[in-house]
Every structure is written in C-alpha cells, then in structure tokens.
Amino acid sequence: MRYIKYAFWAIVAICLIVVSFANRGLVELRLLPESLASAVPGFGWLGAAVEVPLFVALLIGVAVGLVIGLIWEWIREYKHRAAASRNRREARKLEAEVQRLKAEKHEGKDEVLALLEQTG
C-alpha cells in the first residue's frame, strides 16, 4: 500500500511539473477590478496588479480551494465530533458505574470469590 501511495504522489508531482512548464506565460493578477478599487476610498491598493506566471496563479487557486474545502469539511463534521465526544464521556461514565456496582455486589464476600466472579 505504501508503494501505491508513493506512486500516486509521484504522478501528481509529474503532472504539476508538466503543467508548470506548459504555462510559464505571465498574467496580471488583481484582488479587485481597477474601477471598484478606485471607487472605494482606502482600498486603492487592492487594485494594484502583480504579474506572475500562469502556473503560479493556477497553483494559488488550487491551494485556496483546498483550504476552503478543508475548513468547510471541518465545520460540517463538527456535529459528528461533538456526538463522538458525548458518546466517549457517556461510555466512561457507564464503565465507572459498572465497576461501582460490581464492587457493591461483592461487598462483604470473601475477596478470593469476589475476584473470581469479577474475572469470569
């Protein structure tokens, strides 16, 4: 299984390298369109252009998408994590209750017989 994982990541790396070499042309990136950045006072710097290779823009887009997806899933799975935490607390509480009831059941009995009943 480990070799399959290494092969998968090697294929992903090769694909990224090929895409990077194929898309080396410069593109202009802006956070806001010029008209919107100039219309909002104090946000003119968001309209500034940065020239980067196209593959950098693509990789930034993929990275931002992954981060947004991870955050979305973390938020979506909150109810499952909370339920699992409640179940673990309840299980610990019930285990403690079982141990307490076993101790009460064997109270006043011979210790050897009580130990045999607990293990059996």
PDB file of N, CA and C in Angstrom:
ATOM      1  N   MET A   1       0.830  -1.192   0.000  1.00  0.00           N
ATOM      2  CA  MET A   1       0.000   0.000   0.000  1.00  0.00           C
ATOM      3  C   MET A   1       0.871   1.251   0.000  1.00  0.00           C
ATOM      4  N   ARG A   2       1.994   1.183   0.690  1.00  0.00           N
ATOM      5  CA  ARG A   2       2.881   2.325   0.770  1.00  0.00           C
ATOM      6  C   ARG A   2       3.406   2.691  -0.620  1.00  0.00           C
ATOM      7  N   TYR A   3       3.713   1.690  -1.448  1.00  0.00           N
ATOM      8  CA  TYR A   3       4.243   1.953  -2.779  1.00  0.00           C
ATOM      9  C   TYR A   3       3.183   2.572  -3.688  1.00  0.00           C
ATOM     10  N   ILE A   4       1.939   2.191  -3.489  1.00  0.00           N
ATOM     11  CA  ILE A   4       0.857   2.791  -4.264  1.00  0.00           C
ATOM     12  C   ILE A   4       0.738   4.274  -3.915  1.00  0.00           C
ATOM     13  N   LYS A   5       0.864   4.585  -2.634  1.00  0.00           N
ATOM     14  CA  LYS A   5       0.803   5.975  -2.201  1.00  0.00           C
ATOM     15  C   LYS A   5       1.959   6.774  -2.806  1.00  0.00           C
ATOM     16  N   TYR A   6       3.171   6.212  -2.782  1.00  0.00           N
ATOM     17  CA  TYR A   6       4.328   6.895  -3.368  1.00  0.00           C
ATOM     18  C   TYR A   6       4.141   7.073  -4.873  1.00  0.00           C
ATOM     19  N   ALA A   7       3.594   6.078  -5.544  1.00  0.00           N
ATOM     20  CA  ALA A   7       3.364   6.178  -6.983  1.00  0.00           C
ATOM     21  C   ALA A   7       2.333   7.267  -7.281  1.00  0.00           C
ATOM     22  N   PHE A   8       1.279   7.332  -6.488  1.00  0.00           N
ATOM     23  CA  PHE A   8       0.265   8.366  -6.671  1.00  0.00           C
ATOM     24  C   PHE A   8       0.866   9.754  -6.545  1.00  0.00           C
ATOM     25  N   TRP A   9       1.643   9.987  -5.481  1.00  0.00           N
ATOM     26  CA  TRP A   9       2.233  11.313  -5.282  1.00  0.00           C
ATOM     27  C   TRP A   9       3.279  11.625  -6.339  1.00  0.00           C
ATOM     28  N   ALA A  10       3.972  10.617  -6.847  1.00  0.00           N
ATOM     29  CA  ALA A  10       4.922  10.844  -7.938  1.00  0.00           C
ATOM     30  C   ALA A  10       4.182  11.279  -9.206  1.00  0.00           C
ATOM     31  N   ILE A  11       3.048  10.652  -9.496  1.00  0.00           N
ATOM     32  CA  ILE A  11       2.249  11.039 -10.665  1.00  0.00           C
ATOM     33  C   ILE A  11       1.720  12.464 -10.501  1.00  0.00           C
ATOM     34  N   VAL A  12       1.247  12.798  -9.300  1.00  0.00           N
ATOM     35  CA  VAL A  12       0.757  14.158  -9.042  1.00  0.00           C
ATOM     36  C   VAL A  12       1.880  15.166  -9.241  1.00  0.00           C
ATOM     37  N   ALA A  13       3.080  14.864  -8.728  1.00  0.00           N
ATOM     38  CA  ALA A  13       4.217  15.776  -8.874  1.00  0.00           C
ATOM     39  C   ALA A  13       4.603  15.951 -10.341  1.00  0.00           C
ATOM     40  N   ILE A  14       4.611  14.880 -11.089  1.00  0.00           N
ATOM     41  CA  ILE A  14       4.948  14.958 -12.514  1.00  0.00           C
ATOM     42  C   ILE A  14       3.910  15.806 -13.254  1.00  0.00           C
ATOM     43  N   CYS A  15       2.638  15.597 -12.933  1.00  0.00           N
ATOM     44  CA  CYS A  15       1.587  16.400 -13.575  1.00  0.00           C
ATOM     45  C   CYS A  15       1.749  17.889 -13.254  1.00  0.00           C
ATOM     46  N   LEU A  16       2.047  18.211 -12.012  1.00  0.00           N
ATOM     47  CA  LEU A  16       2.238  19.612 -11.632  1.00  0.00           C
ATOM     48  C   LEU A  16       3.438  20.218 -12.348  1.00  0.00           C
ATOM     49  N   ILE A  17       4.510  19.460 -12.486  1.00  0.00           N
ATOM     50  CA  ILE A  17       5.704  19.964 -13.176  1.00  0.00           C
ATOM     51  C   ILE A  17       5.405  20.199 -14.650  1.00  0.00           C
ATOM     52  N   VAL A  18       4.696  19.264 -15.283  1.00  0.00           N
ATOM     53  CA  VAL A  18       4.348  19.416 -16.700  1.00  0.00           C
ATOM     54  C   VAL A  18       3.445  20.627 -16.907  1.00  0.00           C
ATOM     55  N   VAL A  19       2.427  20.800 -16.045  1.00  0.00           N
ATOM     56  CA  VAL A  19       1.531  21.955 -16.153  1.00  0.00           C
ATOM     57  C   VAL A  19       2.313  23.249 -15.935  1.00  0.00           C
ATOM     58  N   SER A  20       3.239  23.226 -14.993  1.00  0.00           N
ATOM     59  CA  SER A  20       4.045  24.418 -14.723  1.00  0.00           C
ATOM     60  C   SER A  20       4.890  24.801 -15.929  1.00  0.00           C
ATOM     61  N   PHE A  21       5.538  23.846 -16.568  1.00  0.00           N
ATOM     62  CA  PHE A  21       6.364  24.150 -17.743  1.00  0.00           C
ATOM     63  C   PHE A  21       5.509  24.598 -18.925  1.00  0.00           C
ATOM     64  N   ALA A  22       4.301  24.085 -19.035  1.00  0.00           N
ATOM     65  CA  ALA A  22       3.442  24.430 -20.160  1.00  0.00           C
ATOM     66  C   ALA A  22       2.796  25.807 -19.997  1.00  0.00           C
ATOM     67  N   ASN A  23       2.739  26.334 -18.779  1.00  0.00           N
ATOM     68  CA  ASN A  23       2.051  27.599 -18.512  1.00  0.00           C
ATOM     69  C   ASN A  23       2.980  28.603 -17.841  1.00  0.00           C
ATOM     70  N   ARG A  24       4.066  28.940 -18.531  1.00  0.00           N
ATOM     71  CA  ARG A  24       5.040  29.869 -17.959  1.00  0.00           C
ATOM     72  C   ARG A  24       4.777  31.319 -18.345  1.00  0.00           C
ATOM     73  N   GLY A  25       3.790  31.567 -19.173  1.00  0.00           N
ATOM     74  CA  GLY A  25       3.499  32.942 -19.597  1.00  0.00           C
ATOM     75  C   GLY A  25       3.027  33.793 -18.424  1.00  0.00           C
ATOM     76  N   LEU A  26       3.342  35.089 -18.477  1.00  0.00           N
ATOM     77  CA  LEU A  26       2.977  35.990 -17.390  1.00  0.00           C
ATOM     78  C   LEU A  26       1.524  36.423 -17.513  1.00  0.00           C
ATOM     79  N   VAL A  27       0.850  36.487 -16.380  1.00  0.00           N
ATOM     80  CA  VAL A  27      -0.515  37.004 -16.322  1.00  0.00           C
ATOM     81  C   VAL A  27      -0.565  38.055 -15.228  1.00  0.00           C
ATOM     82  N   GLU A  28      -1.561  38.932 -15.328  1.00  0.00           N
ATOM     83  CA  GLU A  28      -1.721  40.015 -14.372  1.00  0.00           C
ATOM     84  C   GLU A  28      -2.798  39.625 -13.361  1.00  0.00           C
ATOM     85  N   LEU A  29      -2.464  39.670 -12.079  1.00  0.00           N
ATOM     86  CA  LEU A  29      -3.429  39.343 -11.022  1.00  0.00           C
ATOM     87  C   LEU A  29      -3.781  40.600 -10.238  1.00  0.00           C
ATOM     88  N   ARG A  30      -5.061  40.740  -9.937  1.00  0.00           N
ATOM     89  CA  ARG A  30      -5.566  41.825  -9.090  1.00  0.00           C
ATOM     90  C   ARG A  30      -6.563  41.233  -8.099  1.00  0.00           C
ATOM     91  N   LEU A  31      -6.631  41.834  -6.923  1.00  0.00           N
ATOM     92  CA  LEU A  31      -7.633  41.387  -5.955  1.00  0.00           C
ATOM     93  C   LEU A  31      -9.001  41.991  -6.260  1.00  0.00           C
ATOM     94  N   LEU A  32      -9.009  43.223  -6.758  1.00  0.00           N
ATOM     95  CA  LEU A  32     -10.258  43.892  -7.141  1.00  0.00           C
ATOM     96  C   LEU A  32     -10.080  44.508  -8.522  1.00  0.00           C
ATOM     97  N   PRO A  33     -11.148  44.628  -9.290  1.00  0.00           N
ATOM     98  CA  PRO A  33     -11.041  45.346 -10.562  1.00  0.00           C
ATOM     99  C   PRO A  33     -10.648  46.801 -10.309  1.00  0.00           C
ATOM    100  N   GLU A  34      -9.976  47.414 -11.280  1.00  0.00           N
ATOM    101  CA  GLU A  34      -9.488  48.788 -11.102  1.00  0.00           C
ATOM    102  C   GLU A  34     -10.624  49.748 -10.764  1.00  0.00           C
ATOM    103  N   SER A  35     -11.743  49.629 -11.456  1.00  0.00           N
ATOM    104  CA  SER A  35     -12.856  50.560 -11.238  1.00  0.00           C
ATOM    105  C   SER A  35     -13.410  50.446  -9.817  1.00  0.00           C
ATOM    106  N   LEU A  36     -13.517  49.248  -9.299  1.00  0.00           N
ATOM    107  CA  LEU A  36     -14.039  49.054  -7.945  1.00  0.00           C
ATOM    108  C   LEU A  36     -13.030  49.512  -6.899  1.00  0.00           C
ATOM    109  N   ALA A  37     -11.751  49.225  -7.124  1.00  0.00           N
ATOM    110  CA  ALA A  37     -10.721  49.616  -6.165  1.00  0.00           C
ATOM    111  C   ALA A  37     -10.597  51.132  -6.086  1.00  0.00           C
ATOM    112  N   SER A  38     -10.751  51.821  -7.206  1.00  0.00           N
ATOM    113  CA  SER A  38     -10.644  53.282  -7.178  1.00  0.00           C
ATOM    114  C   SER A  38     -11.916  53.923  -6.645  1.00  0.00           C
ATOM    115  N   ALA A  39     -13.055  53.239  -6.740  1.00  0.00           N
ATOM    116  CA  ALA A  39     -14.326  53.800  -6.268  1.00  0.00           C
ATOM    117  C   ALA A  39     -14.427  53.744  -4.750  1.00  0.00           C
ATOM    118  N   VAL A  40     -13.770  52.790  -4.113  1.00  0.00           N
ATOM    119  CA  VAL A  40     -13.848  52.645  -2.659  1.00  0.00           C
ATOM    120  C   VAL A  40     -12.629  53.327  -2.045  1.00  0.00           C
ATOM    121  N   PRO A  41     -12.824  54.398  -1.279  1.00  0.00           N
ATOM    122  CA  PRO A  41     -11.675  55.102  -0.703  1.00  0.00           C
ATOM    123  C   PRO A  41     -10.917  54.219   0.283  1.00  0.00           C
ATOM    124  N   GLY A  42      -9.614  54.254   0.208  1.00  0.00           N
ATOM    125  CA  GLY A  42      -8.764  53.487   1.119  1.00  0.00           C
ATOM    126  C   GLY A  42      -8.445  52.091   0.642  1.00  0.00           C
ATOM    127  N   PHE A  43      -9.088  51.636  -0.436  1.00  0.00           N
ATOM    128  CA  PHE A  43      -8.851  50.293  -0.941  1.00  0.00           C
ATOM    129  C   PHE A  43      -8.194  50.295  -2.317  1.00  0.00           C
ATOM    130  N   GLY A  44      -7.573  51.400  -2.680  1.00  0.00           N
ATOM    131  CA  GLY A  44      -6.923  51.500  -3.969  1.00  0.00           C
ATOM    132  C   GLY A  44      -5.788  50.507  -4.132  1.00  0.00           C
ATOM    133  N   TRP A  45      -5.144  50.161  -3.035  1.00  0.00           N
ATOM    134  CA  TRP A  45      -4.034  49.207  -3.104  1.00  0.00           C
ATOM    135  C   TRP A  45      -4.503  47.817  -3.516  1.00  0.00           C
ATOM    136  N   LEU A  46      -5.775  47.487  -3.320  1.00  0.00           N
ATOM    137  CA  LEU A  46      -6.298  46.186  -3.744  1.00  0.00           C
ATOM    138  C   LEU A  46      -6.431  46.073  -5.257  1.00  0.00           C
ATOM    139  N   GLY A  47      -6.388  47.214  -5.954  1.00  0.00           N
ATOM    140  CA  GLY A  47      -6.473  47.196  -7.404  1.00  0.00           C
ATOM    141  C   GLY A  47      -5.113  47.105  -8.069  1.00  0.00           C
ATOM    142  N   ALA A  48      -4.052  47.078  -7.288  1.00  0.00           N
ATOM    143  CA  ALA A  48      -2.704  47.003  -7.848  1.00  0.00           C
ATOM    144  C   ALA A  48      -2.511  45.660  -8.544  1.00  0.00           C
ATOM    145  N   ALA A  49      -1.815  45.694  -9.660  1.00  0.00           N
ATOM    146  CA  ALA A  49      -1.597  44.479 -10.451  1.00  0.00           C
ATOM    147  C   ALA A  49      -0.248  43.860 -10.116  1.00  0.00           C
ATOM    148  N   VAL A  50      -0.224  42.542 -10.120  1.00  0.00           N
ATOM    149  CA  VAL A  50       1.004  41.774  -9.913  1.00  0.00           C
ATOM    150  C   VAL A  50       1.110  40.809 -11.081  1.00  0.00           C
ATOM    151  N   GLU A  51       2.285  40.782 -11.714  1.00  0.00           N
ATOM    152  CA  GLU A  51       2.476  39.842 -12.827  1.00  0.00           C
ATOM    153  C   GLU A  51       3.183  38.591 -12.305  1.00  0.00           C
ATOM    154  N   VAL A  52       2.548  37.460 -12.525  1.00  0.00           N
ATOM    155  CA  VAL A  52       3.111  36.173 -12.109  1.00  0.00           C
ATOM    156  C   VAL A  52       2.930  35.185 -13.257  1.00  0.00           C
ATOM    157  N   PRO A  53       3.730  34.131 -13.278  1.00  0.00           N
ATOM    158  CA  PRO A  53       3.499  33.086 -14.287  1.00  0.00           C
ATOM    159  C   PRO A  53       2.122  32.445 -14.080  1.00  0.00           C
ATOM    160  N   LEU A  54       1.539  31.993 -15.170  1.00  0.00           N
ATOM    161  CA  LEU A  54       0.197  31.413 -15.113  1.00  0.00           C
ATOM    162  C   LEU A  54       0.135  30.219 -14.171  1.00  0.00           C
ATOM    163  N   PHE A  55       1.180  29.388 -14.150  1.00  0.00           N
ATOM    164  CA  PHE A  55       1.131  28.209 -13.278  1.00  0.00           C
ATOM    165  C   PHE A  55       1.076  28.603 -11.807  1.00  0.00           C
ATOM    166  N   VAL A  56       1.680  29.742 -11.445  1.00  0.00           N
ATOM    167  CA  VAL A  56       1.604  30.213 -10.055  1.00  0.00           C
ATOM    168  C   VAL A  56       0.161  30.587  -9.728  1.00  0.00           C
ATOM    169  N   ALA A  57      -0.509  31.275 -10.658  1.00  0.00           N
ATOM    170  CA  ALA A  57      -1.912  31.627 -10.444  1.00  0.00           C
ATOM    171  C   ALA A  57      -2.764  30.369 -10.304  1.00  0.00           C
ATOM    172  N   LEU A  58      -2.497  29.357 -11.127  1.00  0.00           N
ATOM    173  CA  LEU A  58      -3.241  28.099 -11.036  1.00  0.00           C
ATOM    174  C   LEU A  58      -3.006  27.400  -9.699  1.00  0.00           C
ATOM    175  N   LEU A  59      -1.755  27.334  -9.284  1.00  0.00           N
ATOM    176  CA  LEU A  59      -1.439  26.657  -8.023  1.00  0.00           C
ATOM    177  C   LEU A  59      -2.011  27.411  -6.824  1.00  0.00           C
ATOM    178  N   ILE A  60      -2.005  28.740  -6.892  1.00  0.00           N
ATOM    179  CA  ILE A  60      -2.620  29.526  -5.814  1.00  0.00           C
ATOM    180  C   ILE A  60      -4.118  29.233  -5.758  1.00  0.00           C
ATOM    181  N   GLY A  61      -4.762  29.161  -6.918  1.00  0.00           N
ATOM    182  CA  GLY A  61      -6.192  28.849  -6.957  1.00  0.00           C
ATOM    183  C   GLY A  61      -6.496  27.483  -6.381  1.00  0.00           C
ATOM    184  N   VAL A  62      -5.671  26.503  -6.718  1.00  0.00           N
ATOM    185  CA  VAL A  62      -5.867  25.146  -6.183  1.00  0.00           C
ATOM    186  C   VAL A  62      -5.662  25.139  -4.669  1.00  0.00           C
ATOM    187  N   ALA A  63      -4.614  25.825  -4.199  1.00  0.00           N
ATOM    188  CA  ALA A  63      -4.332  25.862  -2.761  1.00  0.00           C
ATOM    189  C   ALA A  63      -5.464  26.545  -1.998  1.00  0.00           C
ATOM    190  N   VAL A  64      -5.960  27.667  -2.515  1.00  0.00           N
ATOM    191  CA  VAL A  64      -7.062  28.364  -1.853  1.00  0.00           C
ATOM    192  C   VAL A  64      -8.310  27.474  -1.838  1.00  0.00           C
ATOM    193  N   GLY A  65      -8.569  26.783  -2.935  1.00  0.00           N
ATOM    194  CA  GLY A  65      -9.705  25.867  -2.976  1.00  0.00           C
ATOM    195  C   GLY A  65      -9.589  24.744  -1.962  1.00  0.00           C
ATOM    196  N   LEU A  66      -8.380  24.199  -1.820  1.00  0.00           N
ATOM    197  CA  LEU A  66      -8.172  23.134  -0.832  1.00  0.00           C
ATOM    198  C   LEU A  66      -8.393  23.638   0.586  1.00  0.00           C
ATOM    199  N   VAL A  67      -7.879  24.817   0.884  1.00  0.00           N
ATOM    200  CA  VAL A  67      -8.040  25.373   2.231  1.00  0.00           C
ATOM    201  C   VAL A  67      -9.521  25.631   2.524  1.00  0.00           C
ATOM    202  N   ILE A  68     -10.223  26.217   1.561  1.00  0.00           N
ATOM    203  CA  ILE A  68     -11.662  26.470   1.756  1.00  0.00           C
ATOM    204  C   ILE A  68     -12.407  25.142   1.947  1.00  0.00           C
ATOM    205  N   GLY A  69     -12.069  24.125   1.159  1.00  0.00           N
ATOM    206  CA  GLY A  69     -12.711  22.822   1.299  1.00  0.00           C
ATOM    207  C   GLY A  69     -12.432  22.169   2.642  1.00  0.00           C
ATOM    208  N   LEU A  70     -11.196  22.272   3.114  1.00  0.00           N
ATOM    209  CA  LEU A  70     -10.850  21.692   4.419  1.00  0.00           C
ATOM    210  C   LEU A  70     -11.596  22.390   5.549  1.00  0.00           C
ATOM    211  N   ILE A  71     -11.667  23.715   5.485  1.00  0.00           N
ATOM    212  CA  ILE A  71     -12.399  24.458   6.520  1.00  0.00           C
ATOM    213  C   ILE A  71     -13.885  24.104   6.469  1.00  0.00           C
ATOM    214  N   TRP A  72     -14.430  24.028   5.272  1.00  0.00           N
ATOM    215  CA  TRP A  72     -15.851  23.676   5.107  1.00  0.00           C
ATOM    216  C   TRP A  72     -16.134  22.296   5.717  1.00  0.00           C
ATOM    217  N   GLU A  73     -15.290  21.319   5.422  1.00  0.00           N
ATOM    218  CA  GLU A  73     -15.488  19.968   5.963  1.00  0.00           C
ATOM    219  C   GLU A  73     -15.331  19.943   7.482  1.00  0.00           C
ATOM    220  N   TRP A  74     -14.373  20.701   8.002  1.00  0.00           N
ATOM    221  CA  TRP A  74     -14.158  20.742   9.446  1.00  0.00           C
ATOM    222  C   TRP A  74     -15.399  21.286  10.137  1.00  0.00           C
ATOM    223  N   ILE A  75     -15.980  22.339   9.552  1.00  0.00           N
ATOM    224  CA  ILE A  75     -17.207  22.907  10.121  1.00  0.00           C
ATOM    225  C   ILE A  75     -18.364  21.921   9.976  1.00  0.00           C
ATOM    226  N   ARG A  76     -18.496  21.279   8.813  1.00  0.00           N
ATOM    227  CA  ARG A  76     -19.589  20.345   8.556  1.00  0.00           C
ATOM    228  C   ARG A  76     -19.535  19.135   9.483  1.00  0.00           C
ATOM    229  N   GLU A  77     -18.343  18.684   9.822  1.00  0.00           N
ATOM    230  CA  GLU A  77     -18.198  17.486  10.649  1.00  0.00           C
ATOM    231  C   GLU A  77     -18.234  17.781  12.148  1.00  0.00           C
ATOM    232  N   TYR A  78     -18.474  19.029  12.528  1.00  0.00           N
ATOM    233  CA  TYR A  78     -18.490  19.390  13.944  1.00  0.00           C
ATOM    234  C   TYR A  78     -19.506  18.553  14.714  1.00  0.00           C
ATOM    235  N   LYS A  79     -20.708  18.385  14.162  1.00  0.00           N
ATOM    236  CA  LYS A  79     -21.756  17.649  14.882  1.00  0.00           C
ATOM    237  C   LYS A  79     -21.345  16.199  15.123  1.00  0.00           C
ATOM    238  N   HIS A  80     -20.592  15.610  14.180  1.00  0.00           N
ATOM    239  CA  HIS A  80     -20.134  14.228  14.366  1.00  0.00           C
ATOM    240  C   HIS A  80     -19.055  14.146  15.450  1.00  0.00           C
ATOM    241  N   ARG A  81     -18.143  15.120  15.459  1.00  0.00           N
ATOM    242  CA  ARG A  81     -17.111  15.131  16.505  1.00  0.00           C
ATOM    243  C   ARG A  81     -17.729  15.359  17.878  1.00  0.00           C
ATOM    244  N   ALA A  82     -18.724  16.247  17.956  1.00  0.00           N
ATOM    245  CA  ALA A  82     -19.395  16.514  19.230  1.00  0.00           C
ATOM    246  C   ALA A  82     -20.131  15.270  19.718  1.00  0.00           C
ATOM    247  N   ALA A  83     -20.807  14.572  18.812  1.00  0.00           N
ATOM    248  CA  ALA A  83     -21.529  13.356  19.206  1.00  0.00           C
ATOM    249  C   ALA A  83     -20.555  12.277  19.675  1.00  0.00           C
ATOM    250  N   ALA A  84     -19.426  12.136  18.999  1.00  0.00           N
ATOM    251  CA  ALA A  84     -18.428  11.145  19.411  1.00  0.00           C
ATOM    252  C   ALA A  84     -17.874  11.488  20.783  1.00  0.00           C
ATOM    253  N   SER A  85     -17.661  12.754  21.042  1.00  0.00           N
ATOM    254  CA  SER A  85     -17.160  13.174  22.353  1.00  0.00           C
ATOM    255  C   SER A  85     -18.192  12.870  23.448  1.00  0.00           C
ATOM    256  N   ARG A  86     -19.455  13.162  23.159  1.00  0.00           N
ATOM    257  CA  ARG A  86     -20.512  12.838  24.139  1.00  0.00           C
ATOM    258  C   ARG A  86     -20.579  11.340  24.382  1.00  0.00           C
ATOM    259  N   ASN A  87     -20.465  10.537  23.327  1.00  0.00           N
ATOM    260  CA  ASN A  87     -20.521   9.082  23.479  1.00  0.00           C
ATOM    261  C   ASN A  87     -19.343   8.559  24.299  1.00  0.00           C
ATOM    262  N   ARG A  88     -18.162   9.126  24.086  1.00  0.00           N
ATOM    263  CA  ARG A  88     -16.992   8.697  24.882  1.00  0.00           C
ATOM    264  C   ARG A  88     -17.192   9.032  26.358  1.00  0.00           C
ATOM    265  N   ARG A  89     -17.706  10.248  26.639  1.00  0.00           N
ATOM    266  CA  ARG A  89     -17.958  10.624  28.038  1.00  0.00           C
ATOM    267  C   ARG A  89     -18.981   9.692  28.673  1.00  0.00           C
ATOM    268  N   GLU A  90     -20.048   9.399  27.937  1.00  0.00           N
ATOM    269  CA  GLU A  90     -21.096   8.513  28.452  1.00  0.00           C
ATOM    270  C   GLU A  90     -20.549   7.103  28.695  1.00  0.00           C
ATOM    271  N   ALA A  91     -19.710   6.617  27.789  1.00  0.00           N
ATOM    272  CA  ALA A  91     -19.126   5.279  27.956  1.00  0.00           C
ATOM    273  C   ALA A  91     -18.239   5.232  29.201  1.00  0.00           C
ATOM    274  N   ARG A  92     -17.426   6.279  29.411  1.00  0.00           N
ATOM    275  CA  ARG A  92     -16.588   6.307  30.621  1.00  0.00           C
ATOM    276  C   ARG A  92     -17.443   6.335  31.881  1.00  0.00           C
ATOM    277  N   LYS A  93     -18.520   7.112  31.836  1.00  0.00           N
ATOM    278  CA  LYS A  93     -19.415   7.201  32.992  1.00  0.00           C
ATOM    279  C   LYS A  93     -20.063   5.840  33.265  1.00  0.00           C
ATOM    280  N   LEU A  94     -20.510   5.165  32.219  1.00  0.00           N
ATOM    281  CA  LEU A  94     -21.145   3.860  32.391  1.00  0.00           C
ATOM    282  C   LEU A  94     -20.146   2.807  32.866  1.00  0.00           C
ATOM    283  N   GLU A  95     -18.916   2.845  32.385  1.00  0.00           N
ATOM    284  CA  GLU A  95     -17.891   1.906  32.848  1.00  0.00           C
ATOM    285  C   GLU A  95     -17.619   2.107  34.334  1.00  0.00           C
ATOM    286  N   ALA A  96     -17.559   3.359  34.766  1.00  0.00           N
ATOM    287  CA  ALA A  96     -17.355   3.641  36.188  1.00  0.00           C
ATOM    288  C   ALA A  96     -18.538   3.126  37.015  1.00  0.00           C
ATOM    289  N   GLU A  97     -19.731   3.290  36.479  1.00  0.00           N
ATOM    290  CA  GLU A  97     -20.925   2.802  37.175  1.00  0.00           C
ATOM    291  C   GLU A  97     -20.912   1.279  37.285  1.00  0.00           C
ATOM    292  N   VAL A  98     -20.513   0.587  36.224  1.00  0.00           N
ATOM    293  CA  VAL A  98     -20.432  -0.877  36.257  1.00  0.00           C
ATOM    294  C   VAL A  98     -19.416  -1.318  37.307  1.00  0.00           C
ATOM    295  N   GLN A  99     -18.269  -0.662  37.351  1.00  0.00           N
ATOM    296  CA  GLN A  99     -17.253  -1.027  38.343  1.00  0.00           C
ATOM    297  C   GLN A  99     -17.772  -0.792  39.766  1.00  0.00           C
ATOM    298  N   ARG A 100     -18.500   0.310  39.950  1.00  0.00           N
ATOM    299  CA  ARG A 100     -19.050   0.598  41.281  1.00  0.00           C
ATOM    300  C   ARG A 100     -20.090  -0.457  41.670  1.00  0.00           C
ATOM    301  N   LEU A 101     -20.937  -0.843  40.727  1.00  0.00           N
ATOM    302  CA  LEU A 101     -21.959  -1.852  41.025  1.00  0.00           C
ATOM    303  C   LEU A 101     -21.338  -3.220  41.294  1.00  0.00           C
ATOM    304  N   LYS A 102     -20.277  -3.564  40.576  1.00  0.00           N
ATOM    305  CA  LYS A 102     -19.592  -4.836  40.833  1.00  0.00           C
ATOM    306  C   LYS A 102     -18.984  -4.833  42.223  1.00  0.00           C
ATOM    307  N   ALA A 103     -18.409  -3.689  42.620  1.00  0.00           N
ATOM    308  CA  ALA A 103     -17.810  -3.602  43.953  1.00  0.00           C
ATOM    309  C   ALA A 103     -18.885  -3.734  45.030  1.00  0.00           C
ATOM    310  N   GLU A 104     -20.048  -3.113  44.805  1.00  0.00           N
ATOM    311  CA  GLU A 104     -21.144  -3.229  45.778  1.00  0.00           C
ATOM    312  C   GLU A 104     -21.676  -4.650  45.853  1.00  0.00           C
ATOM    313  N   LYS A 105     -21.716  -5.337  44.715  1.00  0.00           N
ATOM    314  CA  LYS A 105     -22.244  -6.695  44.669  1.00  0.00           C
ATOM    315  C   LYS A 105     -21.388  -7.635  45.509  1.00  0.00           C
ATOM    316  N   HIS A 106     -20.097  -7.411  45.501  1.00  0.00           N
ATOM    317  CA  HIS A 106     -19.176  -8.311  46.193  1.00  0.00           C
ATOM    318  C   HIS A 106     -18.789  -7.806  47.582  1.00  0.00           C
ATOM    319  N   GLU A 107     -19.471  -6.791  48.061  1.00  0.00           N
ATOM    320  CA  GLU A 107     -19.174  -6.253  49.371  1.00  0.00           C
ATOM    321  C   GLU A 107     -19.542  -7.278  50.449  1.00  0.00           C
ATOM    322  N   GLY A 108     -18.639  -7.524  51.368  1.00  0.00           N
ATOM    323  CA  GLY A 108     -18.887  -8.459  52.455  1.00  0.00           C
ATOM    324  C   GLY A 108     -18.613  -9.911  52.104  1.00  0.00           C
ATOM    325  N   LYS A 109     -18.245 -10.200  50.860  1.00  0.00           N
ATOM    326  CA  LYS A 109     -17.941 -11.569  50.458  1.00  0.00           C
ATOM    327  C   LYS A 109     -16.452 -11.816  50.609  1.00  0.00           C
ATOM    328  N   ASP A 110     -16.110 -13.064  50.494  1.00  0.00           N
ATOM    329  CA  ASP A 110     -14.705 -13.436  50.524  1.00  0.00           C
ATOM    330  C   ASP A 110     -14.007 -12.798  49.319  1.00  0.00           C
ATOM    331  N   GLU A 111     -12.836 -12.215  49.533  1.00  0.00           N
ATOM    332  CA  GLU A 111     -12.124 -11.488  48.476  1.00  0.00           C
ATOM    333  C   GLU A 111     -11.753 -12.388  47.307  1.00  0.00           C
ATOM    334  N   VAL A 112     -11.382 -13.630  47.588  1.00  0.00           N
ATOM    335  CA  VAL A 112     -10.981 -14.541  46.513  1.00  0.00           C
ATOM    336  C   VAL A 112     -12.176 -14.863  45.623  1.00  0.00           C
ATOM    337  N   LEU A 113     -13.328 -15.157  46.230  1.00  0.00           N
ATOM    338  CA  LEU A 113     -14.527 -15.447  45.448  1.00  0.00           C
ATOM    339  C   LEU A 113     -14.977 -14.217  44.645  1.00  0.00           C
ATOM    340  N   ALA A 114     -14.864 -13.033  45.225  1.00  0.00           N
ATOM    341  CA  ALA A 114     -15.256 -11.812  44.539  1.00  0.00           C
ATOM    342  C   ALA A 114     -14.348 -11.593  43.306  1.00  0.00           C
ATOM    343  N   LEU A 115     -13.062 -11.843  43.468  1.00  0.00           N
ATOM    344  CA  LEU A 115     -12.131 -11.681  42.326  1.00  0.00           C
ATOM    345  C   LEU A 115     -12.431 -12.694  41.245  1.00  0.00           C
ATOM    346  N   LEU A 116     -12.770 -13.918  41.630  1.00  0.00           N
ATOM    347  CA  LEU A 116     -13.103 -14.936  40.635  1.00  0.00           C
ATOM    348  C   LEU A 116     -14.370 -14.562  39.872  1.00  0.00           C
ATOM    349  N   GLU A 117     -15.364 -14.020  40.534  1.00  0.00           N
ATOM    350  CA  GLU A 117     -16.599 -13.627  39.877  1.00  0.00           C
ATOM    351  C   GLU A 117     -16.380 -12.439  38.944  1.00  0.00           C
ATOM    352  N   GLN A 118     -15.504 -11.510  39.355  1.00  0.00           N
ATOM    353  CA  GLN A 118     -15.232 -10.338  38.514  1.00  0.00           C
ATOM    354  C   GLN A 118     -14.550 -10.717  37.207  1.00  0.00           C
ATOM    355  N   THR A 119     -13.631 -11.677  37.259  1.00  0.00           N
ATOM    356  CA  THR A 119     -12.886 -12.064  36.057  1.00  0.00           C
ATOM    357  C   THR A 119     -13.677 -13.026  35.191  1.00  0.00           C
ATOM    358  N   GLY A 120     -14.610 -13.702  35.716  1.00  0.00           N
ATOM    359  CA  GLY A 120     -15.330 -14.735  34.990  1.00  0.00           C
ATOM    360  C   GLY A 120     -16.442 -14.222  34.202  1.00  0.00           C
TER     361      GLY A 120
END
